[in-house]
Amino acid sequence: MDYPEGFPENLQPPVDAAIHQAEINIVKLRRSEDLPENWQGAIWICLSSVFWAFANQICKAGKERLLTGQKMRKILDQYLSDLAVHYYRELVPVDVDPTETEQAVDAIIQLIKESKEWQNLQQQLKTIAENVAAATLLNHDQQTKTEVQENTTNTTKTTSEERTELLLAYKRECKERGITVTDTMIAKAASKTWNDRTQVALWKGGDPRSKTAADKRIRAVLAKKPHLE
Protein backbone atom coordinates (compact mmCIF):
# COMPACT_ATOMS: atom_id res chain seq x y z
CA MET A 1 0.00 0.00 0.00
CA ASP A 2 1.15 3.52 -0.74
CA TYR A 3 2.15 6.10 1.83
CA PRO A 4 0.03 9.24 2.18
CA GLU A 5 1.08 12.10 -0.06
CA GLY A 6 3.63 14.33 1.62
CA PHE A 7 5.29 11.68 3.80
CA PRO A 8 9.06 12.36 3.37
CA GLU A 9 10.89 9.57 1.58
CA ASN A 10 13.92 9.72 3.88
CA LEU A 11 11.70 8.86 6.87
CA GLN A 12 10.08 5.82 5.27
CA PRO A 13 12.65 3.02 5.94
CA PRO A 14 11.66 2.35 9.60
CA VAL A 15 8.04 2.09 8.54
CA ASP A 16 9.03 -0.18 5.65
CA ALA A 17 10.68 -2.48 8.19
CA ALA A 18 7.51 -2.55 10.32
CA ILE A 19 5.41 -3.31 7.23
CA HIS A 20 7.67 -6.22 6.26
CA GLN A 21 7.43 -7.60 9.78
CA ALA A 22 3.65 -7.29 9.62
CA GLU A 23 3.64 -9.24 6.35
CA ILE A 24 5.64 -11.98 8.05
CA ASN A 25 3.09 -11.99 10.87
CA ILE A 26 0.25 -12.21 8.37
CA VAL A 27 1.71 -15.40 6.87
CA LYS A 28 1.97 -16.91 10.36
CA LEU A 29 -1.52 -15.79 11.32
CA ARG A 30 -3.04 -17.27 8.18
CA ARG A 31 -1.58 -20.61 9.15
CA SER A 32 -2.98 -20.33 12.65
CA GLU A 33 -6.08 -22.25 13.54
CA ASP A 34 -7.18 -19.33 15.72
CA LEU A 35 -7.48 -16.84 12.84
CA PRO A 36 -11.13 -17.57 11.97
CA GLU A 37 -12.11 -16.84 15.58
CA ASN A 38 -9.65 -14.07 16.34
CA TRP A 39 -9.24 -12.06 13.15
CA GLN A 40 -9.90 -8.83 15.07
CA GLY A 41 -6.84 -9.50 17.23
CA ALA A 42 -4.79 -10.32 14.14
CA ILE A 43 -5.69 -6.97 12.59
CA TRP A 44 -4.77 -5.22 15.83
CA ILE A 45 -1.32 -6.86 15.94
CA CYS A 46 -0.41 -5.87 12.39
CA LEU A 47 -2.07 -2.48 12.32
CA SER A 48 -0.74 -1.18 15.62
CA SER A 49 2.90 -2.14 14.97
CA VAL A 50 2.95 -0.41 11.59
CA PHE A 51 0.92 2.60 12.66
CA TRP A 52 3.10 3.46 15.66
CA ALA A 53 6.24 3.17 13.55
CA PHE A 54 4.60 5.53 11.07
CA ALA A 55 3.47 7.95 13.81
CA ASN A 56 7.00 8.12 15.20
CA GLN A 57 8.35 9.15 11.80
CA ILE A 58 5.61 11.72 11.34
CA CYS A 59 6.68 13.31 14.62
CA LYS A 60 10.25 13.45 13.32
CA ALA A 61 8.99 15.18 10.17
CA GLY A 62 7.22 17.72 12.36
CA LYS A 63 10.31 18.37 14.47
CA GLU A 64 12.31 18.92 11.29
CA ARG A 65 9.56 21.26 10.05
CA LEU A 66 8.96 19.11 6.98
CA LEU A 67 5.23 18.94 7.73
CA THR A 68 2.79 21.41 9.25
CA GLY A 69 0.64 20.48 12.22
CA GLN A 70 -2.45 20.30 10.01
CA LYS A 71 -0.66 18.06 7.53
CA MET A 72 0.57 15.72 10.28
CA ARG A 73 -2.94 15.27 11.70
CA LYS A 74 -4.42 14.66 8.26
CA ILE A 75 -1.75 12.11 7.31
CA LEU A 76 -2.04 10.22 10.59
CA ASP A 77 -5.82 9.88 10.33
CA GLN A 78 -5.61 8.91 6.68
CA TYR A 79 -2.93 6.27 7.23
CA LEU A 80 -4.69 4.75 10.23
CA SER A 81 -7.84 4.31 8.15
CA ASP A 82 -5.87 2.96 5.18
CA LEU A 83 -4.08 0.42 7.39
CA ALA A 84 -7.35 -0.79 8.89
CA VAL A 85 -8.84 -1.37 5.45
CA HIS A 86 -5.65 -3.03 4.20
CA TYR A 87 -5.33 -5.53 7.03
CA TYR A 88 -9.05 -6.18 6.99
CA ARG A 89 -8.69 -7.33 3.40
CA GLU A 90 -5.63 -9.40 4.26
CA LEU A 91 -6.93 -11.14 7.38
CA VAL A 92 -10.71 -11.23 7.58
CA PRO A 93 -12.22 -14.60 6.56
CA VAL A 94 -14.45 -14.40 3.51
CA ASP A 95 -17.44 -15.81 5.35
CA VAL A 96 -17.55 -13.00 7.94
CA ASP A 97 -20.56 -10.68 7.76
CA PRO A 98 -19.44 -7.38 6.09
CA THR A 99 -21.42 -5.37 8.63
CA GLU A 100 -19.59 -7.11 11.43
CA THR A 101 -16.21 -6.43 9.85
CA GLU A 102 -16.93 -2.75 9.35
CA GLN A 103 -17.95 -2.42 12.97
CA ALA A 104 -14.89 -4.36 14.09
CA VAL A 105 -12.52 -2.21 12.04
CA ASP A 106 -14.13 0.96 13.41
CA ALA A 107 -13.77 -0.48 16.89
CA ILE A 108 -10.05 -1.17 16.34
CA ILE A 109 -9.48 2.39 15.12
CA GLN A 110 -11.34 3.63 18.15
CA LEU A 111 -9.18 1.49 20.42
CA ILE A 112 -6.09 3.02 18.88
CA LYS A 113 -7.44 6.51 19.55
CA GLU A 114 -8.35 5.63 23.13
CA SER A 115 -4.96 4.14 23.92
CA LYS A 116 -2.25 5.66 26.08
CA GLU A 117 0.03 5.64 23.03
CA TRP A 118 -2.46 7.86 21.18
CA GLN A 119 -2.53 10.29 24.10
CA ASN A 120 1.27 10.37 24.09
CA LEU A 121 1.21 10.98 20.35
CA GLN A 122 -1.14 13.94 20.74
CA GLN A 123 1.12 15.35 23.44
CA GLN A 124 4.10 15.03 21.10
CA LEU A 125 2.21 16.80 18.33
CA LYS A 126 1.24 19.56 20.77
CA THR A 127 4.86 19.98 21.89
CA ILE A 128 6.05 20.05 18.29
CA ALA A 129 3.47 22.70 17.41
CA GLU A 130 4.49 24.83 20.41
CA ASN A 131 8.19 24.53 19.54
CA VAL A 132 7.56 25.43 15.91
CA ALA A 133 5.47 28.41 16.98
CA ALA A 134 8.21 29.58 19.37
CA ALA A 135 10.89 29.14 16.70
CA THR A 136 8.77 31.01 14.17
CA LEU A 137 8.27 33.89 16.61
CA LEU A 138 11.99 33.96 17.39
CA ASN A 139 12.87 34.01 13.69
CA HIS A 140 10.37 36.81 13.15
CA ASP A 141 11.85 38.82 16.02
CA GLN A 142 15.38 38.25 14.73
CA GLN A 143 14.34 39.24 11.22
CA THR A 144 12.66 42.38 12.54
CA LYS A 145 15.76 43.22 14.60
CA THR A 146 17.97 42.71 11.55
CA GLU A 147 15.73 44.93 9.44
CA VAL A 148 15.81 47.64 12.09
CA GLN A 149 19.61 47.41 12.28
CA GLU A 150 19.88 47.56 8.50
CA ASN A 151 17.54 50.54 8.37
CA THR A 152 19.54 52.24 11.12
CA THR A 153 22.77 51.55 9.25
CA ASN A 154 21.31 52.89 6.03
CA THR A 155 20.01 55.97 7.83
CA THR A 156 23.40 56.59 9.40
CA LYS A 157 25.11 56.19 6.06
CA THR A 158 22.68 58.59 4.40
CA THR A 159 23.11 61.15 7.19
CA SER A 160 26.88 60.87 6.95
CA GLU A 161 26.84 61.31 3.19
CA GLU A 162 24.51 64.31 3.42
CA ARG A 163 26.66 66.03 6.05
CA THR A 164 29.88 65.28 4.19
CA GLU A 165 28.41 66.82 1.06
CA LEU A 166 27.44 69.95 2.99
CA LEU A 167 30.96 70.30 4.37
CA LEU A 168 32.61 69.71 1.01
CA ALA A 169 30.28 72.18 -0.70
CA TYR A 170 31.13 74.89 1.83
CA LYS A 171 34.86 74.19 1.66
CA ARG A 172 34.70 74.20 -2.14
CA GLU A 173 32.90 77.54 -2.17
CA CYS A 174 35.51 78.98 0.19
CA LYS A 175 38.32 77.53 -1.94
CA GLU A 176 36.91 79.25 -5.01
CA ARG A 177 37.22 82.52 -3.07
CA GLY A 178 40.82 81.75 -2.19
CA ILE A 179 40.13 80.65 1.35
CA THR A 180 41.08 77.21 2.66
CA VAL A 181 38.67 76.13 5.38
CA THR A 182 39.32 73.12 7.63
CA ASP A 183 37.08 71.14 9.98
CA THR A 184 38.86 72.77 12.91
CA MET A 185 38.01 76.22 11.58
CA ILE A 186 34.36 75.23 11.20
CA ALA A 187 34.34 73.79 14.73
CA LYS A 188 35.74 77.00 16.24
CA ALA A 189 33.18 79.05 14.30
CA ALA A 190 30.39 76.84 15.64
CA SER A 191 31.37 77.05 19.32
CA LYS A 192 33.88 78.95 21.37
CA THR A 193 34.51 75.80 23.43
CA TRP A 194 35.41 73.63 20.43
CA ASN A 195 39.15 73.91 20.01
CA ASP A 196 39.67 71.07 17.54
CA ARG A 197 37.84 69.19 14.79
CA THR A 198 36.40 66.48 17.06
CA GLN A 199 32.78 67.68 17.12
CA VAL A 200 32.72 68.27 13.36
CA ALA A 201 34.19 64.83 12.71
CA LEU A 202 31.57 63.18 14.93
CA TRP A 203 28.80 65.14 13.23
CA LYS A 204 30.09 64.39 9.74
CA GLY A 205 30.26 60.63 10.46
CA GLY A 206 26.74 60.45 11.86
CA ASP A 207 28.12 59.34 15.20
CA PRO A 208 25.37 59.01 17.85
CA ARG A 209 27.61 60.94 20.25
CA SER A 210 26.99 64.02 18.13
CA LYS A 211 23.96 65.72 19.68
CA THR A 212 21.19 67.87 18.24
CA ALA A 213 22.81 71.05 19.55
CA ALA A 214 26.00 70.28 17.63
CA ASP A 215 23.99 69.66 14.49
CA LYS A 216 22.31 73.06 14.78
CA ARG A 217 25.58 74.89 15.41
CA ILE A 218 27.46 73.31 12.53
CA ARG A 219 24.58 73.80 10.09
CA ALA A 220 24.36 77.41 11.18
CA VAL A 221 28.03 77.90 10.24
CA LEU A 222 27.49 76.24 6.85
CA ALA A 223 24.45 78.41 6.24
CA LYS A 224 25.87 81.78 7.42
CA LYS A 225 29.32 81.14 5.88
CA PRO A 226 31.32 83.29 8.33
CA HIS A 227 34.62 82.52 6.59
CA LEU A 228 33.42 84.35 3.48
CA GLU A 229 32.55 87.54 5.30
C-alpha atoms as a PDB file:
ATOM      1  CA  MET A   1       0.000   0.000   0.000  1.00  0.00           C
ATOM      2  CA  ASP A   2       1.148   3.521  -0.737  1.00  0.00           C
ATOM      3  CA  TYR A   3       2.153   6.100   1.835  1.00  0.00           C
ATOM      4  CA  PRO A   4       0.027   9.239   2.176  1.00  0.00           C
ATOM      5  CA  GLU A   5       1.080  12.103  -0.058  1.00  0.00           C
ATOM      6  CA  GLY A   6       3.635  14.325   1.619  1.00  0.00           C
ATOM      7  CA  PHE A   7       5.291  11.679   3.800  1.00  0.00           C
ATOM      8  CA  PRO A   8       9.055  12.362   3.371  1.00  0.00           C
ATOM      9  CA  GLU A   9      10.891   9.568   1.581  1.00  0.00           C
ATOM     10  CA  ASN A  10      13.919   9.725   3.883  1.00  0.00           C
ATOM     11  CA  LEU A  11      11.700   8.859   6.868  1.00  0.00           C
ATOM     12  CA  GLN A  12      10.081   5.820   5.268  1.00  0.00           C
ATOM     13  CA  PRO A  13      12.652   3.019   5.941  1.00  0.00           C
ATOM     14  CA  PRO A  14      11.662   2.350   9.601  1.00  0.00           C
ATOM     15  CA  VAL A  15       8.044   2.087   8.543  1.00  0.00           C
ATOM     16  CA  ASP A  16       9.028  -0.183   5.653  1.00  0.00           C
ATOM     17  CA  ALA A  17      10.677  -2.480   8.194  1.00  0.00           C
ATOM     18  CA  ALA A  18       7.512  -2.553  10.315  1.00  0.00           C
ATOM     19  CA  ILE A  19       5.405  -3.315   7.229  1.00  0.00           C
ATOM     20  CA  HIS A  20       7.670  -6.225   6.265  1.00  0.00           C
ATOM     21  CA  GLN A  21       7.429  -7.604   9.782  1.00  0.00           C
ATOM     22  CA  ALA A  22       3.652  -7.292   9.624  1.00  0.00           C
ATOM     23  CA  GLU A  23       3.636  -9.239   6.354  1.00  0.00           C
ATOM     24  CA  ILE A  24       5.644 -11.985   8.051  1.00  0.00           C
ATOM     25  CA  ASN A  25       3.094 -11.994  10.866  1.00  0.00           C
ATOM     26  CA  ILE A  26       0.250 -12.215   8.372  1.00  0.00           C
ATOM     27  CA  VAL A  27       1.706 -15.396   6.872  1.00  0.00           C
ATOM     28  CA  LYS A  28       1.971 -16.910  10.356  1.00  0.00           C
ATOM     29  CA  LEU A  29      -1.520 -15.791  11.315  1.00  0.00           C
ATOM     30  CA  ARG A  30      -3.044 -17.273   8.178  1.00  0.00           C
ATOM     31  CA  ARG A  31      -1.584 -20.607   9.146  1.00  0.00           C
ATOM     32  CA  SER A  32      -2.977 -20.325  12.646  1.00  0.00           C
ATOM     33  CA  GLU A  33      -6.081 -22.248  13.542  1.00  0.00           C
ATOM     34  CA  ASP A  34      -7.179 -19.334  15.717  1.00  0.00           C
ATOM     35  CA  LEU A  35      -7.477 -16.837  12.844  1.00  0.00           C
ATOM     36  CA  PRO A  36     -11.135 -17.570  11.975  1.00  0.00           C
ATOM     37  CA  GLU A  37     -12.109 -16.844  15.584  1.00  0.00           C
ATOM     38  CA  ASN A  38      -9.648 -14.067  16.344  1.00  0.00           C
ATOM     39  CA  TRP A  39      -9.236 -12.061  13.152  1.00  0.00           C
ATOM     40  CA  GLN A  40      -9.903  -8.827  15.065  1.00  0.00           C
ATOM     41  CA  GLY A  41      -6.840  -9.496  17.232  1.00  0.00           C
ATOM     42  CA  ALA A  42      -4.790 -10.319  14.136  1.00  0.00           C
ATOM     43  CA  ILE A  43      -5.693  -6.971  12.592  1.00  0.00           C
ATOM     44  CA  TRP A  44      -4.767  -5.225  15.831  1.00  0.00           C
ATOM     45  CA  ILE A  45      -1.322  -6.856  15.938  1.00  0.00           C
ATOM     46  CA  CYS A  46      -0.411  -5.866  12.387  1.00  0.00           C
ATOM     47  CA  LEU A  47      -2.070  -2.485  12.318  1.00  0.00           C
ATOM     48  CA  SER A  48      -0.740  -1.179  15.622  1.00  0.00           C
ATOM     49  CA  SER A  49       2.895  -2.138  14.968  1.00  0.00           C
ATOM     50  CA  VAL A  50       2.949  -0.414  11.587  1.00  0.00           C
ATOM     51  CA  PHE A  51       0.922   2.601  12.659  1.00  0.00           C
ATOM     52  CA  TRP A  52       3.102   3.462  15.661  1.00  0.00           C
ATOM     53  CA  ALA A  53       6.242   3.171  13.551  1.00  0.00           C
ATOM     54  CA  PHE A  54       4.605   5.534  11.075  1.00  0.00           C
ATOM     55  CA  ALA A  55       3.472   7.949  13.808  1.00  0.00           C
ATOM     56  CA  ASN A  56       6.996   8.118  15.202  1.00  0.00           C
ATOM     57  CA  GLN A  57       8.355   9.154  11.804  1.00  0.00           C
ATOM     58  CA  ILE A  58       5.606  11.720  11.339  1.00  0.00           C
ATOM     59  CA  CYS A  59       6.679  13.315  14.617  1.00  0.00           C
ATOM     60  CA  LYS A  60      10.249  13.448  13.317  1.00  0.00           C
ATOM     61  CA  ALA A  61       8.991  15.177  10.175  1.00  0.00           C
ATOM     62  CA  GLY A  62       7.218  17.715  12.355  1.00  0.00           C
ATOM     63  CA  LYS A  63      10.314  18.366  14.468  1.00  0.00           C
ATOM     64  CA  GLU A  64      12.313  18.919  11.285  1.00  0.00           C
ATOM     65  CA  ARG A  65       9.556  21.255  10.052  1.00  0.00           C
ATOM     66  CA  LEU A  66       8.963  19.106   6.984  1.00  0.00           C
ATOM     67  CA  LEU A  67       5.227  18.936   7.730  1.00  0.00           C
ATOM     68  CA  THR A  68       2.789  21.415   9.250  1.00  0.00           C
ATOM     69  CA  GLY A  69       0.636  20.483  12.218  1.00  0.00           C
ATOM     70  CA  GLN A  70      -2.449  20.304  10.014  1.00  0.00           C
ATOM     71  CA  LYS A  71      -0.660  18.057   7.531  1.00  0.00           C
ATOM     72  CA  MET A  72       0.565  15.720  10.278  1.00  0.00           C
ATOM     73  CA  ARG A  73      -2.943  15.269  11.695  1.00  0.00           C
ATOM     74  CA  LYS A  74      -4.418  14.662   8.261  1.00  0.00           C
ATOM     75  CA  ILE A  75      -1.748  12.115   7.308  1.00  0.00           C
ATOM     76  CA  LEU A  76      -2.042  10.221  10.593  1.00  0.00           C
ATOM     77  CA  ASP A  77      -5.824   9.876  10.329  1.00  0.00           C
ATOM     78  CA  GLN A  78      -5.607   8.909   6.681  1.00  0.00           C
ATOM     79  CA  TYR A  79      -2.930   6.265   7.225  1.00  0.00           C
ATOM     80  CA  LEU A  80      -4.694   4.750  10.231  1.00  0.00           C
ATOM     81  CA  SER A  81      -7.841   4.309   8.148  1.00  0.00           C
ATOM     82  CA  ASP A  82      -5.867   2.958   5.183  1.00  0.00           C
ATOM     83  CA  LEU A  83      -4.085   0.417   7.394  1.00  0.00           C
ATOM     84  CA  ALA A  84      -7.348  -0.788   8.894  1.00  0.00           C
ATOM     85  CA  VAL A  85      -8.839  -1.371   5.446  1.00  0.00           C
ATOM     86  CA  HIS A  86      -5.645  -3.030   4.204  1.00  0.00           C
ATOM     87  CA  TYR A  87      -5.331  -5.533   7.031  1.00  0.00           C
ATOM     88  CA  TYR A  88      -9.051  -6.179   6.990  1.00  0.00           C
ATOM     89  CA  ARG A  89      -8.687  -7.329   3.397  1.00  0.00           C
ATOM     90  CA  GLU A  90      -5.629  -9.398   4.264  1.00  0.00           C
ATOM     91  CA  LEU A  91      -6.926 -11.142   7.381  1.00  0.00           C
ATOM     92  CA  VAL A  92     -10.713 -11.228   7.577  1.00  0.00           C
ATOM     93  CA  PRO A  93     -12.220 -14.599   6.558  1.00  0.00           C
ATOM     94  CA  VAL A  94     -14.445 -14.402   3.507  1.00  0.00           C
ATOM     95  CA  ASP A  95     -17.442 -15.806   5.355  1.00  0.00           C
ATOM     96  CA  VAL A  96     -17.553 -13.002   7.944  1.00  0.00           C
ATOM     97  CA  ASP A  97     -20.561 -10.683   7.764  1.00  0.00           C
ATOM     98  CA  PRO A  98     -19.437  -7.383   6.093  1.00  0.00           C
ATOM     99  CA  THR A  99     -21.418  -5.374   8.627  1.00  0.00           C
ATOM    100  CA  GLU A 100     -19.586  -7.114  11.434  1.00  0.00           C
ATOM    101  CA  THR A 101     -16.209  -6.434   9.850  1.00  0.00           C
ATOM    102  CA  GLU A 102     -16.926  -2.753   9.354  1.00  0.00           C
ATOM    103  CA  GLN A 103     -17.954  -2.421  12.968  1.00  0.00           C
ATOM    104  CA  ALA A 104     -14.888  -4.361  14.090  1.00  0.00           C
ATOM    105  CA  VAL A 105     -12.523  -2.211  12.036  1.00  0.00           C
ATOM    106  CA  ASP A 106     -14.134   0.957  13.409  1.00  0.00           C
ATOM    107  CA  ALA A 107     -13.772  -0.480  16.892  1.00  0.00           C
ATOM    108  CA  ILE A 108     -10.050  -1.170  16.340  1.00  0.00           C
ATOM    109  CA  ILE A 109      -9.480   2.393  15.116  1.00  0.00           C
ATOM    110  CA  GLN A 110     -11.340   3.631  18.155  1.00  0.00           C
ATOM    111  CA  LEU A 111      -9.183   1.486  20.424  1.00  0.00           C
ATOM    112  CA  ILE A 112      -6.092   3.019  18.876  1.00  0.00           C
ATOM    113  CA  LYS A 113      -7.443   6.507  19.546  1.00  0.00           C
ATOM    114  CA  GLU A 114      -8.346   5.632  23.126  1.00  0.00           C
ATOM    115  CA  SER A 115      -4.959   4.136  23.923  1.00  0.00           C
ATOM    116  CA  LYS A 116      -2.245   5.662  26.078  1.00  0.00           C
ATOM    117  CA  GLU A 117       0.026   5.645  23.033  1.00  0.00           C
ATOM    118  CA  TRP A 118      -2.462   7.857  21.183  1.00  0.00           C
ATOM    119  CA  GLN A 119      -2.528  10.291  24.102  1.00  0.00           C
ATOM    120  CA  ASN A 120       1.266  10.373  24.087  1.00  0.00           C
ATOM    121  CA  LEU A 121       1.212  10.981  20.349  1.00  0.00           C
ATOM    122  CA  GLN A 122      -1.137  13.939  20.738  1.00  0.00           C
ATOM    123  CA  GLN A 123       1.124  15.348  23.442  1.00  0.00           C
ATOM    124  CA  GLN A 124       4.105  15.025  21.101  1.00  0.00           C
ATOM    125  CA  LEU A 125       2.206  16.800  18.332  1.00  0.00           C
ATOM    126  CA  LYS A 126       1.241  19.561  20.774  1.00  0.00           C
ATOM    127  CA  THR A 127       4.859  19.982  21.895  1.00  0.00           C
ATOM    128  CA  ILE A 128       6.054  20.049  18.292  1.00  0.00           C
ATOM    129  CA  ALA A 129       3.472  22.698  17.410  1.00  0.00           C
ATOM    130  CA  GLU A 130       4.489  24.833  20.410  1.00  0.00           C
ATOM    131  CA  ASN A 131       8.188  24.528  19.543  1.00  0.00           C
ATOM    132  CA  VAL A 132       7.560  25.431  15.915  1.00  0.00           C
ATOM    133  CA  ALA A 133       5.472  28.415  16.983  1.00  0.00           C
ATOM    134  CA  ALA A 134       8.210  29.584  19.367  1.00  0.00           C
ATOM    135  CA  ALA A 135      10.887  29.142  16.704  1.00  0.00           C
ATOM    136  CA  THR A 136       8.768  31.008  14.166  1.00  0.00           C
ATOM    137  CA  LEU A 137       8.268  33.889  16.608  1.00  0.00           C
ATOM    138  CA  LEU A 138      11.989  33.957  17.391  1.00  0.00           C
ATOM    139  CA  ASN A 139      12.872  34.008  13.688  1.00  0.00           C
ATOM    140  CA  HIS A 140      10.374  36.811  13.147  1.00  0.00           C
ATOM    141  CA  ASP A 141      11.854  38.824  16.024  1.00  0.00           C
ATOM    142  CA  GLN A 142      15.382  38.253  14.727  1.00  0.00           C
ATOM    143  CA  GLN A 143      14.339  39.244  11.224  1.00  0.00           C
ATOM    144  CA  THR A 144      12.655  42.380  12.544  1.00  0.00           C
ATOM    145  CA  LYS A 145      15.760  43.225  14.598  1.00  0.00           C
ATOM    146  CA  THR A 146      17.966  42.710  11.552  1.00  0.00           C
ATOM    147  CA  GLU A 147      15.733  44.933   9.436  1.00  0.00           C
ATOM    148  CA  VAL A 148      15.810  47.642  12.092  1.00  0.00           C
ATOM    149  CA  GLN A 149      19.607  47.409  12.278  1.00  0.00           C
ATOM    150  CA  GLU A 150      19.875  47.559   8.501  1.00  0.00           C
ATOM    151  CA  ASN A 151      17.539  50.544   8.367  1.00  0.00           C
ATOM    152  CA  THR A 152      19.540  52.244  11.123  1.00  0.00           C
ATOM    153  CA  THR A 153      22.774  51.546   9.245  1.00  0.00           C
ATOM    154  CA  ASN A 154      21.311  52.894   6.028  1.00  0.00           C
ATOM    155  CA  THR A 155      20.011  55.972   7.832  1.00  0.00           C
ATOM    156  CA  THR A 156      23.402  56.594   9.403  1.00  0.00           C
ATOM    157  CA  LYS A 157      25.106  56.195   6.065  1.00  0.00           C
ATOM    158  CA  THR A 158      22.676  58.591   4.399  1.00  0.00           C
ATOM    159  CA  THR A 159      23.108  61.148   7.187  1.00  0.00           C
ATOM    160  CA  SER A 160      26.878  60.872   6.954  1.00  0.00           C
ATOM    161  CA  GLU A 161      26.837  61.313   3.191  1.00  0.00           C
ATOM    162  CA  GLU A 162      24.512  64.308   3.419  1.00  0.00           C
ATOM    163  CA  ARG A 163      26.661  66.029   6.054  1.00  0.00           C
ATOM    164  CA  THR A 164      29.877  65.276   4.186  1.00  0.00           C
ATOM    165  CA  GLU A 165      28.412  66.822   1.057  1.00  0.00           C
ATOM    166  CA  LEU A 166      27.441  69.952   2.988  1.00  0.00           C
ATOM    167  CA  LEU A 167      30.958  70.301   4.372  1.00  0.00           C
ATOM    168  CA  LEU A 168      32.612  69.709   1.007  1.00  0.00           C
ATOM    169  CA  ALA A 169      30.280  72.176  -0.703  1.00  0.00           C
ATOM    170  CA  TYR A 170      31.132  74.887   1.827  1.00  0.00           C
ATOM    171  CA  LYS A 171      34.863  74.191   1.659  1.00  0.00           C
ATOM    172  CA  ARG A 172      34.698  74.196  -2.144  1.00  0.00           C
ATOM    173  CA  GLU A 173      32.904  77.543  -2.168  1.00  0.00           C
ATOM    174  CA  CYS A 174      35.510  78.978   0.192  1.00  0.00           C
ATOM    175  CA  LYS A 175      38.316  77.533  -1.940  1.00  0.00           C
ATOM    176  CA  GLU A 176      36.913  79.251  -5.007  1.00  0.00           C
ATOM    177  CA  ARG A 177      37.216  82.522  -3.074  1.00  0.00           C
ATOM    178  CA  GLY A 178      40.816  81.747  -2.194  1.00  0.00           C
ATOM    179  CA  ILE A 179      40.127  80.646   1.352  1.00  0.00           C
ATOM    180  CA  THR A 180      41.075  77.206   2.663  1.00  0.00           C
ATOM    181  CA  VAL A 181      38.665  76.130   5.379  1.00  0.00           C
ATOM    182  CA  THR A 182      39.322  73.118   7.633  1.00  0.00           C
ATOM    183  CA  ASP A 183      37.084  71.142   9.977  1.00  0.00           C
ATOM    184  CA  THR A 184      38.864  72.772  12.912  1.00  0.00           C
ATOM    185  CA  MET A 185      38.011  76.223  11.583  1.00  0.00           C
ATOM    186  CA  ILE A 186      34.363  75.229  11.201  1.00  0.00           C
ATOM    187  CA  ALA A 187      34.341  73.788  14.732  1.00  0.00           C
ATOM    188  CA  LYS A 188      35.740  76.996  16.238  1.00  0.00           C
ATOM    189  CA  ALA A 189      33.181  79.049  14.302  1.00  0.00           C
ATOM    190  CA  ALA A 190      30.386  76.843  15.642  1.00  0.00           C
ATOM    191  CA  SER A 191      31.366  77.050  19.316  1.00  0.00           C
ATOM    192  CA  LYS A 192      33.882  78.946  21.372  1.00  0.00           C
ATOM    193  CA  THR A 193      34.506  75.800  23.427  1.00  0.00           C
ATOM    194  CA  TRP A 194      35.410  73.634  20.434  1.00  0.00           C
ATOM    195  CA  ASN A 195      39.155  73.914  20.010  1.00  0.00           C
ATOM    196  CA  ASP A 196      39.675  71.067  17.545  1.00  0.00           C
ATOM    197  CA  ARG A 197      37.842  69.195  14.789  1.00  0.00           C
ATOM    198  CA  THR A 198      36.400  66.477  17.063  1.00  0.00           C
ATOM    199  CA  GLN A 199      32.784  67.679  17.115  1.00  0.00           C
ATOM    200  CA  VAL A 200      32.723  68.268  13.360  1.00  0.00           C
ATOM    201  CA  ALA A 201      34.193  64.827  12.707  1.00  0.00           C
ATOM    202  CA  LEU A 202      31.573  63.177  14.928  1.00  0.00           C
ATOM    203  CA  TRP A 203      28.799  65.139  13.229  1.00  0.00           C
ATOM    204  CA  LYS A 204      30.090  64.393   9.743  1.00  0.00           C
ATOM    205  CA  GLY A 205      30.257  60.634  10.456  1.00  0.00           C
ATOM    206  CA  GLY A 206      26.735  60.451  11.860  1.00  0.00           C
ATOM    207  CA  ASP A 207      28.123  59.343  15.200  1.00  0.00           C
ATOM    208  CA  PRO A 208      25.369  59.008  17.847  1.00  0.00           C
ATOM    209  CA  ARG A 209      27.606  60.941  20.247  1.00  0.00           C
ATOM    210  CA  SER A 210      26.992  64.018  18.127  1.00  0.00           C
ATOM    211  CA  LYS A 211      23.960  65.716  19.683  1.00  0.00           C
ATOM    212  CA  THR A 212      21.194  67.875  18.243  1.00  0.00           C
ATOM    213  CA  ALA A 213      22.812  71.053  19.554  1.00  0.00           C
ATOM    214  CA  ALA A 214      26.002  70.279  17.633  1.00  0.00           C
ATOM    215  CA  ASP A 215      23.986  69.657  14.488  1.00  0.00           C
ATOM    216  CA  LYS A 216      22.307  73.056  14.775  1.00  0.00           C
ATOM    217  CA  ARG A 217      25.576  74.890  15.415  1.00  0.00           C
ATOM    218  CA  ILE A 218      27.460  73.309  12.527  1.00  0.00           C
ATOM    219  CA  ARG A 219      24.581  73.796  10.093  1.00  0.00           C
ATOM    220  CA  ALA A 220      24.357  77.414  11.184  1.00  0.00           C
ATOM    221  CA  VAL A 221      28.025  77.900  10.239  1.00  0.00           C
ATOM    222  CA  LEU A 222      27.494  76.239   6.851  1.00  0.00           C
ATOM    223  CA  ALA A 223      24.452  78.405   6.237  1.00  0.00           C
ATOM    224  CA  LYS A 224      25.865  81.775   7.422  1.00  0.00           C
ATOM    225  CA  LYS A 225      29.325  81.144   5.885  1.00  0.00           C
ATOM    226  CA  PRO A 226      31.319  83.290   8.326  1.00  0.00           C
ATOM    227  CA  HIS A 227      34.623  82.516   6.586  1.00  0.00           C
ATOM    228  CA  LEU A 228      33.424  84.353   3.480  1.00  0.00           C
ATOM    229  CA  GLU A 229      32.550  87.538   5.299  1.00  0.00           C
END
